[in-house]
Amino acid sequence: MADTSERVTVRIPQDLLEKLKQIQDAGGTPTISDTIREGLERFVEMHLPPPNIKKVVVDLSRQDNRQLEEFVREGGSVSIDDAVRAAVREYIRVRLEHLGTARPRRDTEPVAAGEDASPP
């Protein structure tokens, strides 16, 4: 397969480079270029999602994130993203039920483990 990539030179501040190196070390990417490339791919996904999808960024406490990671490790969901999507979907469903405007669940919608819990 032919290499279709193009070299781009970018200057970044030293403190940002250090943070990228920390991410590289923690994430296991082989090079800083791979780390930057992965970051750019996520940036593009966030800003140019498919037309039927709206991305939402959620900041979680370390404790909440650890609990989600444990939930996924124990098989409660296939990924943290999937667990959060299921939780939001269920929260909205329950809230709409309380308002009397609930729509029936479609057969194609996944059901996550523990989805029967009521929202706070």
N, C-alpha and C. Protein backbone atom coordinates (compact mmCIF):
# COMPACT_ATOMS: atom_id res chain seq x y z
N MET A 1 0.85 -1.18 0.00
CA MET A 1 0.00 0.00 0.00
C MET A 1 0.89 1.24 0.00
N ALA A 2 0.60 2.20 -0.84
CA ALA A 2 1.40 3.41 -0.95
C ALA A 2 1.12 4.33 0.23
N ASP A 3 2.17 5.03 0.65
CA ASP A 3 2.03 6.00 1.74
C ASP A 3 1.36 7.25 1.20
N THR A 4 0.19 7.57 1.72
CA THR A 4 -0.55 8.74 1.24
C THR A 4 -0.51 9.88 2.25
N SER A 5 0.35 9.78 3.25
CA SER A 5 0.43 10.84 4.24
C SER A 5 1.30 11.98 3.73
N GLU A 6 1.13 13.11 4.38
CA GLU A 6 1.90 14.28 4.02
C GLU A 6 2.53 14.85 5.28
N ARG A 7 3.76 15.29 5.16
CA ARG A 7 4.47 15.87 6.30
C ARG A 7 3.97 17.30 6.53
N VAL A 8 3.68 17.60 7.80
CA VAL A 8 3.27 18.94 8.20
C VAL A 8 4.15 19.34 9.38
N THR A 9 4.71 20.51 9.32
CA THR A 9 5.56 21.00 10.41
C THR A 9 4.76 21.99 11.24
N VAL A 10 4.74 21.75 12.55
CA VAL A 10 3.98 22.59 13.47
C VAL A 10 4.87 22.94 14.64
N ARG A 11 4.85 24.19 15.04
CA ARG A 11 5.58 24.60 16.24
C ARG A 11 4.59 24.63 17.40
N ILE A 12 4.99 24.01 18.52
CA ILE A 12 4.13 24.01 19.71
C ILE A 12 4.99 24.42 20.91
N PRO A 13 4.35 25.02 21.90
CA PRO A 13 5.09 25.42 23.09
C PRO A 13 5.66 24.21 23.83
N GLN A 14 6.77 24.42 24.52
CA GLN A 14 7.45 23.35 25.24
C GLN A 14 6.54 22.67 26.26
N ASP A 15 5.72 23.44 26.98
CA ASP A 15 4.85 22.83 28.00
C ASP A 15 3.81 21.91 27.36
N LEU A 16 3.33 22.25 26.17
CA LEU A 16 2.39 21.37 25.48
C LEU A 16 3.11 20.10 25.01
N LEU A 17 4.33 20.23 24.55
CA LEU A 17 5.11 19.07 24.13
C LEU A 17 5.32 18.12 25.32
N GLU A 18 5.61 18.67 26.49
CA GLU A 18 5.80 17.84 27.67
C GLU A 18 4.51 17.08 28.02
N LYS A 19 3.38 17.75 27.90
CA LYS A 19 2.09 17.10 28.17
C LYS A 19 1.84 15.98 27.15
N LEU A 20 2.16 16.23 25.90
CA LEU A 20 2.00 15.20 24.87
C LEU A 20 2.90 14.00 25.15
N LYS A 21 4.11 14.26 25.64
CA LYS A 21 5.01 13.16 26.00
C LYS A 21 4.45 12.35 27.16
N GLN A 22 3.81 13.02 28.12
CA GLN A 22 3.17 12.30 29.23
C GLN A 22 2.05 11.41 28.70
N ILE A 23 1.26 11.94 27.77
CA ILE A 23 0.18 11.16 27.17
C ILE A 23 0.77 9.98 26.40
N GLN A 24 1.85 10.22 25.68
CA GLN A 24 2.52 9.15 24.93
C GLN A 24 2.95 8.03 25.87
N ASP A 25 3.61 8.40 26.97
CA ASP A 25 4.08 7.41 27.93
C ASP A 25 2.92 6.63 28.55
N ALA A 26 1.86 7.35 28.91
CA ALA A 26 0.71 6.71 29.56
C ALA A 26 -0.09 5.86 28.57
N GLY A 27 -0.18 6.34 27.32
CA GLY A 27 -1.02 5.65 26.33
C GLY A 27 -0.31 4.58 25.54
N GLY A 28 1.01 4.57 25.62
CA GLY A 28 1.74 3.52 24.94
C GLY A 28 1.92 3.72 23.45
N THR A 29 1.72 4.94 22.95
CA THR A 29 1.99 5.15 21.53
C THR A 29 3.50 5.15 21.32
N PRO A 30 3.97 4.58 20.21
CA PRO A 30 5.41 4.42 20.02
C PRO A 30 6.17 5.73 19.82
N THR A 31 5.55 6.73 19.20
CA THR A 31 6.26 7.99 18.94
C THR A 31 5.38 9.18 19.28
N ILE A 32 6.01 10.32 19.44
CA ILE A 32 5.24 11.55 19.69
C ILE A 32 4.38 11.88 18.48
N SER A 33 4.86 11.55 17.28
CA SER A 33 4.06 11.77 16.07
C SER A 33 2.77 10.95 16.11
N ASP A 34 2.86 9.71 16.59
CA ASP A 34 1.66 8.87 16.71
C ASP A 34 0.69 9.47 17.72
N THR A 35 1.22 10.00 18.81
CA THR A 35 0.38 10.63 19.83
C THR A 35 -0.34 11.84 19.25
N ILE A 36 0.38 12.67 18.53
CA ILE A 36 -0.22 13.86 17.91
C ILE A 36 -1.24 13.46 16.85
N ARG A 37 -0.91 12.45 16.05
CA ARG A 37 -1.83 11.97 15.02
C ARG A 37 -3.13 11.47 15.65
N GLU A 38 -3.02 10.70 16.74
CA GLU A 38 -4.21 10.19 17.43
C GLU A 38 -5.04 11.35 17.97
N GLY A 39 -4.37 12.36 18.53
CA GLY A 39 -5.08 13.54 19.03
C GLY A 39 -5.80 14.28 17.92
N LEU A 40 -5.15 14.41 16.78
CA LEU A 40 -5.79 15.07 15.64
C LEU A 40 -6.99 14.28 15.14
N GLU A 41 -6.87 12.95 15.12
CA GLU A 41 -8.00 12.12 14.69
C GLU A 41 -9.19 12.32 15.62
N ARG A 42 -8.95 12.37 16.91
CA ARG A 42 -10.05 12.60 17.87
C ARG A 42 -10.63 14.00 17.71
N PHE A 43 -9.78 14.98 17.46
CA PHE A 43 -10.24 16.35 17.23
C PHE A 43 -11.18 16.39 16.02
N VAL A 44 -10.77 15.74 14.93
CA VAL A 44 -11.59 15.71 13.73
C VAL A 44 -12.91 14.97 13.99
N GLU A 45 -12.84 13.84 14.69
CA GLU A 45 -14.07 13.10 15.02
C GLU A 45 -15.04 13.97 15.82
N MET A 46 -14.48 14.75 16.75
CA MET A 46 -15.31 15.60 17.60
C MET A 46 -15.95 16.73 16.79
N HIS A 47 -15.22 17.29 15.85
CA HIS A 47 -15.72 18.45 15.12
C HIS A 47 -16.39 18.10 13.79
N LEU A 48 -16.18 16.89 13.30
CA LEU A 48 -16.82 16.46 12.06
C LEU A 48 -17.43 15.06 12.22
N PRO A 49 -18.34 14.90 13.18
CA PRO A 49 -18.95 13.57 13.35
C PRO A 49 -19.91 13.29 12.19
N PRO A 50 -20.31 12.02 12.03
CA PRO A 50 -21.32 11.72 11.02
C PRO A 50 -22.57 12.58 11.27
N PRO A 51 -23.34 12.87 10.23
CA PRO A 51 -24.47 13.80 10.38
C PRO A 51 -25.54 13.34 11.37
N ASN A 52 -25.62 12.04 11.64
CA ASN A 52 -26.65 11.55 12.56
C ASN A 52 -26.15 11.48 14.01
N ILE A 53 -24.94 11.98 14.27
CA ILE A 53 -24.37 11.88 15.62
C ILE A 53 -23.92 13.25 16.10
N LYS A 54 -24.21 13.55 17.35
CA LYS A 54 -23.74 14.76 17.99
C LYS A 54 -22.85 14.34 19.14
N LYS A 55 -21.60 14.76 19.12
CA LYS A 55 -20.65 14.42 20.17
C LYS A 55 -20.84 15.34 21.35
N VAL A 56 -20.71 14.78 22.54
CA VAL A 56 -20.78 15.54 23.78
C VAL A 56 -19.58 15.15 24.62
N VAL A 57 -18.91 16.14 25.16
CA VAL A 57 -17.76 15.89 26.03
C VAL A 57 -18.22 15.99 27.47
N VAL A 58 -17.86 14.99 28.26
CA VAL A 58 -18.25 14.96 29.67
C VAL A 58 -16.99 14.86 30.52
N ASP A 59 -16.83 15.78 31.44
CA ASP A 59 -15.72 15.71 32.38
C ASP A 59 -16.20 14.95 33.61
N LEU A 60 -15.48 13.90 33.97
CA LEU A 60 -15.83 13.07 35.11
C LEU A 60 -14.75 13.16 36.17
N SER A 61 -15.17 13.01 37.42
CA SER A 61 -14.18 12.95 38.49
C SER A 61 -13.37 11.67 38.34
N ARG A 62 -12.21 11.64 38.96
CA ARG A 62 -11.39 10.43 38.90
C ARG A 62 -12.14 9.25 39.49
N GLN A 63 -12.89 9.49 40.56
CA GLN A 63 -13.64 8.41 41.20
C GLN A 63 -14.71 7.86 40.24
N ASP A 64 -15.46 8.75 39.60
CA ASP A 64 -16.48 8.29 38.65
C ASP A 64 -15.84 7.53 37.50
N ASN A 65 -14.72 8.03 37.02
CA ASN A 65 -14.04 7.36 35.91
C ASN A 65 -13.54 5.98 36.34
N ARG A 66 -12.99 5.88 37.55
CA ARG A 66 -12.54 4.56 38.05
C ARG A 66 -13.72 3.60 38.16
N GLN A 67 -14.86 4.09 38.64
CA GLN A 67 -16.04 3.23 38.75
C GLN A 67 -16.50 2.77 37.38
N LEU A 68 -16.47 3.66 36.39
CA LEU A 68 -16.84 3.27 35.03
C LEU A 68 -15.88 2.23 34.48
N GLU A 69 -14.58 2.44 34.70
CA GLU A 69 -13.59 1.47 34.22
C GLU A 69 -13.82 0.10 34.87
N GLU A 70 -14.13 0.10 36.16
CA GLU A 70 -14.40 -1.16 36.85
C GLU A 70 -15.67 -1.82 36.29
N PHE A 71 -16.69 -1.02 36.04
CA PHE A 71 -17.95 -1.51 35.47
C PHE A 71 -17.69 -2.21 34.14
N VAL A 72 -16.85 -1.61 33.30
CA VAL A 72 -16.52 -2.19 32.00
C VAL A 72 -15.68 -3.46 32.19
N ARG A 73 -14.68 -3.42 33.08
CA ARG A 73 -13.84 -4.60 33.34
C ARG A 73 -14.67 -5.79 33.80
N GLU A 74 -15.70 -5.52 34.60
CA GLU A 74 -16.55 -6.60 35.12
C GLU A 74 -17.59 -7.06 34.11
N GLY A 75 -17.59 -6.47 32.91
CA GLY A 75 -18.49 -6.92 31.86
C GLY A 75 -19.83 -6.21 31.83
N GLY A 76 -19.96 -5.12 32.59
CA GLY A 76 -21.22 -4.39 32.62
C GLY A 76 -21.51 -3.64 31.33
N SER A 77 -20.48 -3.40 30.54
CA SER A 77 -20.63 -2.70 29.27
C SER A 77 -19.40 -3.02 28.42
N VAL A 78 -19.51 -2.78 27.12
CA VAL A 78 -18.38 -3.07 26.25
C VAL A 78 -17.31 -1.97 26.29
N SER A 79 -17.72 -0.76 26.69
CA SER A 79 -16.77 0.35 26.77
C SER A 79 -17.35 1.42 27.68
N ILE A 80 -16.48 2.33 28.10
CA ILE A 80 -16.94 3.46 28.91
C ILE A 80 -17.91 4.31 28.09
N ASP A 81 -17.58 4.56 26.83
CA ASP A 81 -18.47 5.35 25.97
C ASP A 81 -19.85 4.73 25.89
N ASP A 82 -19.89 3.41 25.71
CA ASP A 82 -21.17 2.71 25.61
C ASP A 82 -21.94 2.79 26.93
N ALA A 83 -21.25 2.67 28.05
CA ALA A 83 -21.91 2.76 29.35
C ALA A 83 -22.51 4.15 29.56
N VAL A 84 -21.77 5.18 29.20
CA VAL A 84 -22.27 6.55 29.36
C VAL A 84 -23.46 6.79 28.43
N ARG A 85 -23.36 6.32 27.18
CA ARG A 85 -24.49 6.47 26.24
C ARG A 85 -25.74 5.78 26.80
N ALA A 86 -25.58 4.56 27.30
CA ALA A 86 -26.72 3.82 27.84
C ALA A 86 -27.31 4.54 29.06
N ALA A 87 -26.45 5.07 29.92
CA ALA A 87 -26.93 5.77 31.10
C ALA A 87 -27.70 7.03 30.72
N VAL A 88 -27.19 7.78 29.76
CA VAL A 88 -27.88 8.99 29.32
C VAL A 88 -29.21 8.63 28.67
N ARG A 89 -29.19 7.60 27.81
CA ARG A 89 -30.42 7.17 27.15
C ARG A 89 -31.49 6.77 28.17
N GLU A 90 -31.07 6.01 29.19
CA GLU A 90 -32.02 5.57 30.22
C GLU A 90 -32.51 6.75 31.05
N TYR A 91 -31.63 7.66 31.39
CA TYR A 91 -32.00 8.84 32.16
C TYR A 91 -33.08 9.63 31.41
N ILE A 92 -32.86 9.83 30.12
CA ILE A 92 -33.84 10.58 29.31
C ILE A 92 -35.15 9.81 29.23
N ARG A 93 -35.08 8.49 29.04
CA ARG A 93 -36.30 7.68 28.96
C ARG A 93 -37.12 7.81 30.23
N VAL A 94 -36.47 7.70 31.38
CA VAL A 94 -37.18 7.79 32.67
C VAL A 94 -37.77 9.18 32.87
N ARG A 95 -37.00 10.20 32.52
CA ARG A 95 -37.50 11.58 32.67
C ARG A 95 -38.71 11.81 31.78
N LEU A 96 -38.66 11.30 30.55
CA LEU A 96 -39.79 11.46 29.65
C LEU A 96 -41.00 10.68 30.14
N GLU A 97 -40.78 9.52 30.72
CA GLU A 97 -41.89 8.74 31.29
C GLU A 97 -42.59 9.54 32.37
N HIS A 98 -41.81 10.21 33.21
CA HIS A 98 -42.40 11.02 34.27
C HIS A 98 -43.21 12.18 33.71
N LEU A 99 -42.83 12.65 32.53
CA LEU A 99 -43.57 13.72 31.88
C LEU A 99 -44.73 13.18 31.04
N GLY A 100 -44.78 11.85 30.89
CA GLY A 100 -45.85 11.24 30.11
C GLY A 100 -45.62 11.31 28.61
N THR A 101 -44.36 11.51 28.19
CA THR A 101 -44.07 11.63 26.76
C THR A 101 -43.09 10.58 26.30
N ALA A 102 -43.00 9.46 27.01
CA ALA A 102 -42.00 8.44 26.67
C ALA A 102 -42.32 7.82 25.33
N ARG A 103 -41.30 7.50 24.60
CA ARG A 103 -41.46 6.77 23.35
C ARG A 103 -41.05 5.32 23.61
N PRO A 104 -41.62 4.38 22.89
CA PRO A 104 -41.23 2.98 23.10
C PRO A 104 -39.79 2.75 22.65
N ARG A 105 -39.12 1.82 23.32
CA ARG A 105 -37.74 1.47 22.96
C ARG A 105 -37.76 0.72 21.64
N ARG A 106 -36.84 1.09 20.74
CA ARG A 106 -36.70 0.39 19.46
C ARG A 106 -35.90 -0.87 19.67
N ASP A 107 -36.20 -1.89 18.88
CA ASP A 107 -35.49 -3.16 18.98
C ASP A 107 -34.00 -3.01 18.73
N THR A 108 -33.62 -2.00 17.97
CA THR A 108 -32.20 -1.82 17.63
C THR A 108 -31.41 -1.12 18.72
N GLU A 109 -32.08 -0.60 19.75
CA GLU A 109 -31.37 0.10 20.81
C GLU A 109 -30.81 -0.90 21.81
N PRO A 110 -29.52 -0.80 22.09
CA PRO A 110 -28.91 -1.73 23.05
C PRO A 110 -29.39 -1.45 24.46
N VAL A 111 -29.39 -2.50 25.25
CA VAL A 111 -29.73 -2.39 26.66
C VAL A 111 -28.50 -2.74 27.45
N ALA A 112 -28.03 -1.81 28.25
CA ALA A 112 -26.82 -2.04 29.05
C ALA A 112 -27.19 -2.69 30.38
N ALA A 113 -26.24 -3.41 30.93
CA ALA A 113 -26.45 -4.01 32.26
C ALA A 113 -26.68 -2.90 33.26
N GLY A 114 -27.61 -3.12 34.17
CA GLY A 114 -27.90 -2.14 35.20
C GLY A 114 -28.72 -0.97 34.68
N GLU A 115 -29.33 -1.11 33.52
CA GLU A 115 -30.04 -0.01 32.92
C GLU A 115 -31.39 0.26 33.60
N ASP A 116 -31.82 -0.64 34.48
CA ASP A 116 -33.11 -0.45 35.12
C ASP A 116 -33.04 0.52 36.29
N ALA A 117 -31.87 1.01 36.64
CA ALA A 117 -31.72 1.94 37.76
C ALA A 117 -32.32 3.30 37.40
N SER A 118 -32.99 3.90 38.36
CA SER A 118 -33.57 5.21 38.16
C SER A 118 -32.50 6.27 38.26
N PRO A 119 -32.65 7.35 37.49
CA PRO A 119 -31.67 8.43 37.56
C PRO A 119 -31.77 9.17 38.88
N PRO A 120 -30.73 9.90 39.25
CA PRO A 120 -30.76 10.65 40.51
C PRO A 120 -31.77 11.75 40.49
